[in-house]
Amino acid sequence: LRGRLIISRDYRGDIPASVAVERFNAKLTEEDELNLKPIFEDDGINYIYVKHNNLYFLTVTRNNADACMALMFIYKLIQVLEEYFSSLEEESIRDNFVITYELLDEMIDFGYPQLSESKVLKEYITQQSHQLHKAEVRVPTAATGVVGWRPDGIKYKKNEVFLDVIEKVNLLVASNGTLIRSEIIGAVKIKSKLSGMPELRLGLNDRILFEQNRRRTNQKAIDLEDVAFHQCVKLSKFESDRTISFIPPDGEFELMSYRLSTSVKPLIWIEAVVDIHERSRVEYLIKARSQFKSRSTANNVEIIIPVPRDADSPKFRTNVGDVRYAPELDAIVWSIKHFPGGKEYLMRAHMGLPSISDDDGSAKKKPISVKYEIPYYTVSGIQVRYLKILEKSGYRALPWVRYITQNGEYQIRM
């Protein structure tokens, strides 16, 4: 049944759960789910919700609460539950009522988010059922200290930190070759395998930093926009001298994300000539050209060309890669495992059309999409200038840095 309450926790006692669920369920019934906003107010109660799989995660409040904080907490709760239960469905909640209640009690106090790092929570909220003796009770210092995302006593035989700079290119090109929209969405991801409680300092080729220090450098400087940091980053330090200083969580996490609104030259350019013979056949001539330097190579390139949904009898000819017809996508998929920079390849396709067609011409309206991954390359020119690792024991650690450019929503209209 839609809107049936599975589990709830009332932190302040000012809104009965049954009333909130009844009104929320009525709202879902009244309005189309696609038009319903994730934040709305009804009769003095603010509703903030997220739908995940077959579950609705709903928070309600009568106060003028920070809606963004509530949404972020819901997403963090979903992430924690997924790490505990692997798959987050109605059944996994029903099978783990006790653990779910324990997590809700630890993660929120009187409606205020507290501890949300799953690695720390797993130290004392376990899925194994056993009788706990009083001597065994030990609250992790991470749960009470200022570094709530990293427990004490971490030890590695080999201390290493792996840093990935991953950029995704969103691109939309008109059929006449005009660039309609382009942006770069970037993320710095870290895998930390460091002992103790180290402090890391990361320096990027940030234009503002160079201007503050009045440095002249041959390095290309970039303007980062919409920067969002993990909670471990010391924001006051970044605001004062643009240094990204942090004590990292153990394991993998996303340190920061950023965006650049800039005109991006299409890395893989596609030209398509489509010749349609009504009620007979359709022929495609696809030219793919890599527009980056020859020392780089795009891997696992997929060029997806939409075709009429009633097309059949596909025939292909190309000098590189593999071509297949994907009827579930109503498209031709041209796969090229390695696409070096400065190269150009051709593909020809021939498909039959029925004498009586029910196609509405939607294939002409759909754009060509391109998937790719270019290692050791960034579109923005972002560079890691340094990554310093400071720890009181003075051990030496190895930092590893890798750059990757991938496609985002990369589309070229025919």
Foldseek 3Di string as FASTA:
>chain_A
DPLDDQDDDDLAPPDDPVVVSVVVSVVPVVDPPVPDDQWDDDPQKIWHWDDDDPDIDIDIDNDPDDNVVVVVVVVLLVVLLCVQQVDDDSVSCNVPVPLSVVCVPLQDHSRHGAARANVQVCVPRPPDDDDDDPVRDDRFVLRVDPNVQATFFQDDPAWAKEKEKEKAWAWEAELVGHTDFIKIKIWIKMAGRHHGFKKKKWDKLAPVLCVVVVDDDPADHFHWAPKDADPQWDVVVCVPRNIGMGGDHHGMDIGMMTMGGDDFDDQKDKHWDWDDDAQWKIKIKIKIAGADDQVWKKAFKKKKQAAFLQWADKDKDWPAADWDQDSVRNTIIGTHGIGGHGDMIIMMMMITHHNDDPTPPVSLVFWIFMWIKIKPDDRRSMDTPDMDMDDPVPDDHYYHYIYMYIYDNGTYHD
